[in-house]
Amino acid sequence: MSPAIFITLLLSFFLIHGTQESTKLNRILVFIKLAAVFLFLLLAGPHVNTANWEPFMPFGVSGITAGAAIVFFAYIGFDAVATSAEECKNPARDLPIGIIGSLVICTILYVVVAAVLTGVVPYTELNNPEPVAFALRYIGYNLGSAIVGVGAIAGITTVLLVLLYGQARIFFAMSRDGMVPARVCKIHKRYHTPYIVTVLGAIFVSLIAGFAPIGLIAEMANIGTLSAFTVAALGVMVLRVTKPDVHRTFRCPLVWIIAPLAVLACGYLMAHLPTDTWIRFIVWCFFGCLVYFGYSYQHSALGRQQKKMRRLRKFTQE
């Protein structure tokens, strides 16, 4: 069995057994990940050679943008935290702190690790599956390289855990609205978790993880997430105009500055993704629209409400 398939199925087992068990596992993995990051900085920091930073931007601004469109894959776990709103004691306070706080800390760590990494090893030698572990072997720390490699696996695992958790909660919320069949999101009598959709999601993800190239997965995840962020930003602006008085538990300050900037930034990154990725994305959206208009829209609460309104208007006209 591919390690990717095994890890995915194992994480789904923890998710089915409850949020507390998953949180304990996540804390252990995050500790291992952070320990590996600080170990790398401790070992590699003294070996930084500033000559490796010249030229500072070898591929120019276009190279940075193309790289950002791919490395965006490292940021998709933060939005999944929002799916845990119903399981927070005070989501209006806890979620913004959790998302923004972790985002700031991780961004600082990303920048510092990237600076040390490119300062230790020439960038031309970093195009490999394990650049951080390779850098430690490059300067003679074989044991440190192995430990950091384990930390990297732990880091990927934590992201996968959060995303599997978020996906199950998204489908659970959709089932309450009628957009997916309610029986798929049944709650386990003992563990009180949506176990069927968790298992189905784990099987689907494990097959992709086990047999699809990581580069293709990253590009598709990026374009899907960026498009979702774009739609969310547009939706916020539309609702500010169409429903200005609706109660908002979560508020966005300076919305007419932040939302347009979000749309422009996401669109700019999407434009730098490969053409093949765009073709796959369009095909995927086409099938998504078939499912939505063929089933979800008709069975959703909004769709049922509109049906009733049409019937009422037809009845009154008759």
Protein backbone atom coordinates (compact mmCIF):
# COMPACT_ATOMS: atom_id res chain seq x y z
CA MET A 1 0.00 0.00 0.00
CA SER A 2 1.27 3.46 -0.87
CA PRO A 3 2.26 5.46 2.25
CA ALA A 4 -0.01 8.29 1.06
CA ILE A 5 -3.01 5.94 0.97
CA PHE A 6 -2.19 4.43 4.36
CA ILE A 7 -1.72 7.82 6.07
CA THR A 8 -4.98 9.17 4.60
CA LEU A 9 -7.00 6.17 5.79
CA LEU A 10 -5.34 6.29 9.22
CA LEU A 11 -6.21 9.96 9.64
CA SER A 12 -9.82 9.28 8.67
CA PHE A 13 -9.90 6.69 11.48
CA PHE A 14 -8.89 9.37 14.00
CA LEU A 15 -11.41 11.84 12.55
CA ILE A 16 -14.25 9.35 12.88
CA HIS A 17 -13.34 8.78 16.55
CA GLY A 18 -13.92 12.45 17.35
CA THR A 19 -12.53 15.96 17.36
CA GLN A 20 -10.66 15.58 20.66
CA GLU A 21 -8.71 12.54 19.46
CA SER A 22 -7.87 14.30 16.18
CA THR A 23 -6.77 17.42 18.08
CA LYS A 24 -4.40 15.39 20.27
CA LEU A 25 -2.83 13.80 17.19
CA ASN A 26 -2.59 17.17 15.47
CA ARG A 27 -0.83 18.72 18.48
CA ILE A 28 1.77 15.94 18.53
CA LEU A 29 2.44 16.29 14.80
CA VAL A 30 2.64 20.09 15.00
CA PHE A 31 5.18 19.80 17.82
CA ILE A 32 7.30 17.43 15.72
CA LYS A 33 7.01 19.75 12.73
CA LEU A 34 8.05 22.86 14.65
CA ALA A 35 10.90 20.99 16.33
CA ALA A 36 12.18 19.95 12.88
CA VAL A 37 11.97 23.54 11.61
CA PHE A 38 13.94 24.96 14.55
CA LEU A 39 16.46 22.12 14.31
CA PHE A 40 17.06 23.00 10.68
CA LEU A 41 17.52 26.69 11.52
CA LEU A 42 19.88 25.82 14.39
CA LEU A 43 22.06 23.54 12.28
CA ALA A 44 21.99 25.38 8.96
CA GLY A 45 21.92 29.00 10.18
CA PRO A 46 25.67 29.26 10.92
CA HIS A 47 26.48 27.93 7.41
CA VAL A 48 24.63 30.66 5.47
CA ASN A 49 26.75 32.11 2.69
CA THR A 50 25.31 35.42 1.48
CA ALA A 51 27.03 34.89 -1.89
CA ASN A 52 24.33 32.29 -2.64
CA TRP A 53 21.75 35.11 -2.60
CA GLU A 54 23.29 36.72 -5.68
CA PRO A 55 21.53 37.25 -7.99
CA PHE A 56 18.75 37.91 -5.48
CA MET A 57 15.88 37.33 -7.96
CA PRO A 58 17.38 35.10 -10.67
CA PHE A 59 14.04 34.68 -12.48
CA GLY A 60 12.71 38.18 -11.88
CA VAL A 61 9.24 39.18 -10.73
CA SER A 62 7.58 36.71 -13.13
CA GLY A 63 9.54 33.88 -11.53
CA ILE A 64 8.42 34.95 -8.07
CA THR A 65 4.80 35.09 -9.20
CA ALA A 66 4.97 31.68 -10.88
CA GLY A 67 6.53 30.25 -7.74
CA ALA A 68 3.89 31.89 -5.54
CA ALA A 69 1.14 30.33 -7.64
CA ILE A 70 2.59 26.89 -6.85
CA VAL A 71 3.76 27.41 -3.25
CA PHE A 72 0.25 28.73 -2.45
CA PHE A 73 -0.43 25.04 -1.81
CA ALA A 74 1.26 25.56 1.58
CA TYR A 75 -1.44 28.04 2.63
CA ILE A 76 -4.64 26.15 1.85
CA GLY A 77 -4.93 24.66 5.34
CA PHE A 78 -5.67 28.00 6.99
CA ASP A 79 -9.06 28.52 5.36
CA ALA A 80 -10.11 25.02 6.46
CA VAL A 81 -9.97 26.21 10.08
CA ALA A 82 -13.16 28.20 9.37
CA THR A 83 -15.08 24.94 8.93
CA SER A 84 -14.69 24.27 12.67
CA ALA A 85 -16.84 27.29 13.60
CA GLU A 86 -19.67 25.17 14.98
CA GLU A 87 -17.29 23.34 17.31
CA CYS A 88 -15.71 26.50 18.81
CA LYS A 89 -16.85 27.94 22.13
CA ASN A 90 -16.63 31.52 20.84
CA PRO A 91 -16.14 31.37 17.05
CA ALA A 92 -16.45 35.13 16.50
CA ARG A 93 -13.35 35.62 18.67
CA ASP A 94 -11.47 32.32 18.37
CA LEU A 95 -11.53 31.79 14.61
CA PRO A 96 -10.03 35.16 13.54
CA ILE A 97 -7.32 34.81 16.20
CA GLY A 98 -6.57 31.23 15.14
CA ILE A 99 -6.51 31.90 11.40
CA ILE A 100 -4.65 35.22 11.40
CA GLY A 101 -2.29 34.28 14.24
CA SER A 102 -1.23 30.97 12.71
CA LEU A 103 -0.96 32.61 9.29
CA VAL A 104 1.43 35.29 10.56
CA ILE A 105 3.59 32.80 12.50
CA CYS A 106 3.81 30.34 9.60
CA THR A 107 4.60 33.07 7.08
CA ILE A 108 7.50 34.28 9.22
CA LEU A 109 8.81 30.72 9.52
CA TYR A 110 8.43 30.18 5.74
CA VAL A 111 10.45 33.29 4.98
CA VAL A 112 13.20 32.50 7.50
CA VAL A 113 13.51 28.87 6.34
CA ALA A 114 13.60 29.95 2.68
CA ALA A 115 16.31 32.52 3.44
CA VAL A 116 18.48 30.02 5.31
CA LEU A 117 17.85 27.29 2.74
CA THR A 118 18.93 29.39 -0.23
CA GLY A 119 21.82 30.80 1.78
CA VAL A 120 23.21 27.34 2.51
CA VAL A 121 22.69 25.70 -0.89
CA PRO A 122 22.77 27.36 -4.33
CA TYR A 123 19.21 27.64 -5.64
CA THR A 124 20.15 25.64 -8.74
CA GLU A 125 20.55 22.50 -6.59
CA LEU A 126 17.26 22.79 -4.71
CA ASN A 127 14.97 21.40 -7.41
CA ASN A 128 14.43 18.08 -5.63
CA PRO A 129 11.65 16.42 -3.57
CA GLU A 130 13.33 17.13 -0.19
CA PRO A 131 15.23 20.44 -0.36
CA VAL A 132 15.43 21.06 3.41
CA ALA A 133 16.73 17.58 4.23
CA PHE A 134 19.05 17.80 1.21
CA ALA A 135 20.50 21.08 2.53
CA LEU A 136 21.47 19.45 5.82
CA ARG A 137 23.14 16.55 4.01
CA TYR A 138 24.88 19.12 1.80
CA ILE A 139 26.59 20.62 4.85
CA GLY A 140 27.28 17.24 6.49
CA TYR A 141 24.40 16.73 8.96
CA ASN A 142 23.08 13.32 7.88
CA LEU A 143 21.29 12.59 11.17
CA GLY A 144 19.76 16.06 11.22
CA SER A 145 18.62 15.49 7.64
CA ALA A 146 16.78 12.32 8.66
CA ILE A 147 15.10 14.04 11.63
CA VAL A 148 13.99 16.98 9.48
CA GLY A 149 12.66 14.55 6.91
CA VAL A 150 10.44 13.03 9.59
CA GLY A 151 9.32 16.53 10.55
CA ALA A 152 8.41 17.26 6.95
CA ILE A 153 6.20 14.17 6.84
CA ALA A 154 4.56 15.29 10.10
CA GLY A 155 3.97 18.73 8.59
CA ILE A 156 2.26 17.33 5.51
CA THR A 157 0.21 15.01 7.71
CA THR A 158 -1.14 17.87 9.85
CA VAL A 159 -2.31 19.71 6.73
CA LEU A 160 -3.99 16.56 5.44
CA LEU A 161 -5.70 16.04 8.79
CA VAL A 162 -7.10 19.58 8.81
CA LEU A 163 -8.29 19.35 5.21
CA LEU A 164 -10.00 15.97 5.68
CA TYR A 165 -11.70 17.37 8.78
CA GLY A 166 -12.78 20.51 6.92
CA GLN A 167 -14.08 18.63 3.91
CA ALA A 168 -16.31 16.41 6.03
CA ARG A 169 -17.73 19.44 7.85
CA ILE A 170 -18.38 21.25 4.57
CA PHE A 171 -20.38 18.32 3.22
CA PHE A 172 -22.21 18.05 6.54
CA ALA A 173 -23.26 21.70 6.30
CA MET A 174 -24.29 21.19 2.66
CA SER A 175 -26.42 18.19 3.64
CA ARG A 176 -28.42 20.31 6.09
CA ASP A 177 -29.21 22.66 3.23
CA GLY A 178 -30.19 19.70 1.04
CA MET A 179 -27.38 20.18 -1.49
CA VAL A 180 -26.09 16.64 -0.85
CA PRO A 181 -28.15 13.66 0.32
CA ALA A 182 -28.67 13.79 4.10
CA ARG A 183 -28.04 10.06 4.53
CA VAL A 184 -24.45 10.50 3.34
CA CYS A 185 -23.78 12.79 6.31
CA LYS A 186 -25.29 10.65 9.06
CA ILE A 187 -23.81 11.17 12.53
CA HIS A 188 -22.17 8.21 14.27
CA LYS A 189 -24.22 7.20 17.32
CA ARG A 190 -21.17 6.72 19.53
CA TYR A 191 -18.57 9.16 18.24
CA HIS A 192 -20.99 11.91 17.07
CA THR A 193 -19.04 12.55 13.86
CA PRO A 194 -20.17 12.46 10.18
CA TYR A 195 -18.52 9.09 9.60
CA ILE A 196 -19.91 8.11 6.17
CA VAL A 197 -18.80 11.27 4.39
CA THR A 198 -15.46 11.10 6.23
CA VAL A 199 -14.84 7.59 4.92
CA LEU A 200 -15.95 8.46 1.39
CA GLY A 201 -13.76 11.56 1.37
CA ALA A 202 -10.78 9.60 2.70
CA ILE A 203 -11.15 6.94 -0.01
CA PHE A 204 -11.38 9.56 -2.75
CA VAL A 205 -8.42 11.55 -1.42
CA SER A 206 -6.30 8.43 -0.83
CA LEU A 207 -6.73 7.28 -4.42
CA ILE A 208 -5.67 10.68 -5.73
CA ALA A 209 -2.75 10.87 -3.28
CA GLY A 210 -1.60 7.37 -4.13
CA PHE A 211 -1.71 7.56 -7.93
CA ALA A 212 -1.61 11.23 -9.06
CA PRO A 213 1.64 13.25 -9.39
CA ILE A 214 2.15 15.70 -6.52
CA GLY A 215 2.76 18.57 -8.95
CA LEU A 216 -0.62 18.07 -10.62
CA ILE A 217 -2.36 17.79 -7.23
CA ALA A 218 -0.73 21.02 -6.04
CA GLU A 219 -1.72 22.96 -9.16
CA MET A 220 -5.33 21.75 -9.06
CA ALA A 221 -5.61 22.46 -5.32
CA ASN A 222 -4.20 25.93 -5.85
CA ILE A 223 -6.48 26.94 -8.70
CA GLY A 224 -9.51 25.54 -6.88
CA THR A 225 -8.69 27.37 -3.66
CA LEU A 226 -7.82 30.63 -5.41
CA SER A 227 -11.09 30.52 -7.36
CA ALA A 228 -13.01 29.86 -4.12
CA PHE A 229 -11.31 32.85 -2.46
CA THR A 230 -12.20 34.99 -5.46
CA VAL A 231 -15.86 33.98 -5.33
CA ALA A 232 -15.95 34.55 -1.56
CA ALA A 233 -14.52 38.06 -1.92
CA LEU A 234 -17.00 38.88 -4.69
CA GLY A 235 -19.83 37.44 -2.59
CA VAL A 236 -18.92 39.65 0.36
CA MET A 237 -19.11 42.76 -1.84
CA VAL A 238 -22.40 41.68 -3.40
CA LEU A 239 -23.99 41.03 0.00
CA ARG A 240 -22.84 44.43 1.30
CA VAL A 241 -24.94 45.96 -1.48
CA THR A 242 -27.91 43.58 -1.66
CA LYS A 243 -28.25 42.87 2.10
CA PRO A 244 -26.49 45.68 3.97
CA ASP A 245 -28.50 45.21 7.17
CA VAL A 246 -28.07 41.44 7.63
CA HIS A 247 -26.47 40.34 10.91
CA ARG A 248 -22.76 39.62 10.48
CA THR A 249 -21.03 37.58 13.18
CA PHE A 250 -17.75 37.92 11.29
CA ARG A 251 -17.00 41.39 9.96
CA CYS A 252 -14.41 42.46 7.41
CA PRO A 253 -12.94 45.94 8.02
CA LEU A 254 -12.26 48.13 4.98
CA VAL A 255 -14.18 45.66 2.85
CA TRP A 256 -14.13 47.86 -0.28
CA ILE A 257 -10.33 47.86 -0.16
CA ILE A 258 -9.59 44.34 1.06
CA ALA A 259 -12.13 42.44 -1.09
CA PRO A 260 -11.09 43.99 -4.46
CA LEU A 261 -7.42 43.46 -3.56
CA ALA A 262 -8.21 39.82 -2.75
CA VAL A 263 -9.89 39.35 -6.14
CA LEU A 264 -6.99 40.97 -7.99
CA ALA A 265 -4.33 39.02 -6.05
CA CYS A 266 -6.05 35.66 -6.52
CA GLY A 267 -6.72 36.34 -10.21
CA TYR A 268 -3.10 37.38 -10.73
CA LEU A 269 -1.80 34.14 -9.21
CA MET A 270 -4.30 32.04 -11.16
CA ALA A 271 -3.15 33.65 -14.40
CA HIS A 272 0.36 32.29 -13.81
CA LEU A 273 -0.75 28.66 -13.49
CA PRO A 274 -0.14 26.34 -16.49
CA THR A 275 -2.66 26.09 -19.32
CA ASP A 276 -3.20 22.36 -18.64
CA THR A 277 -4.27 23.24 -15.10
CA TRP A 278 -6.83 25.70 -16.44
CA ILE A 279 -8.24 23.07 -18.80
CA ARG A 280 -8.61 20.54 -15.96
CA PHE A 281 -10.18 23.25 -13.79
CA ILE A 282 -12.76 24.15 -16.45
CA VAL A 283 -13.67 20.48 -16.98
CA TRP A 284 -13.99 19.99 -13.21
CA CYS A 285 -16.21 23.08 -12.92
CA PHE A 286 -18.38 21.77 -15.76
CA PHE A 287 -19.05 18.52 -13.90
CA GLY A 288 -19.60 20.49 -10.71
CA CYS A 289 -22.25 22.59 -12.45
CA LEU A 290 -23.96 19.44 -13.71
CA VAL A 291 -24.20 18.14 -10.14
CA TYR A 292 -25.34 21.51 -8.79
CA PHE A 293 -28.06 22.20 -11.34
CA GLY A 294 -29.00 18.53 -11.68
CA TYR A 295 -29.45 17.84 -7.96
CA SER A 296 -28.17 20.38 -5.42
CA TYR A 297 -30.07 23.47 -6.57
CA GLN A 298 -33.41 21.66 -6.77
CA HIS A 299 -33.02 20.05 -3.34
CA SER A 300 -31.52 22.99 -1.48
CA ALA A 301 -33.54 25.08 0.96
CA LEU A 302 -33.33 28.05 -1.40
CA GLY A 303 -34.39 25.96 -4.37
CA ARG A 304 -37.38 24.51 -2.49
CA GLN A 305 -38.37 27.98 -1.33
CA GLN A 306 -38.30 29.31 -4.88
CA LYS A 307 -40.40 26.36 -6.05
CA LYS A 308 -43.01 27.19 -3.44
CA MET A 309 -43.00 30.84 -4.50
CA ARG A 310 -43.51 29.89 -8.15
CA ARG A 311 -46.36 27.57 -7.24
CA LEU A 312 -47.93 30.28 -5.09
CA ARG A 313 -47.70 32.85 -7.87
CA LYS A 314 -49.16 30.36 -10.33
CA PHE A 315 -52.01 29.55 -7.93
CA THR A 316 -52.83 33.22 -7.33
CA GLN A 317 -52.79 33.92 -11.07
CA GLU A 318 -55.25 31.11 -11.68
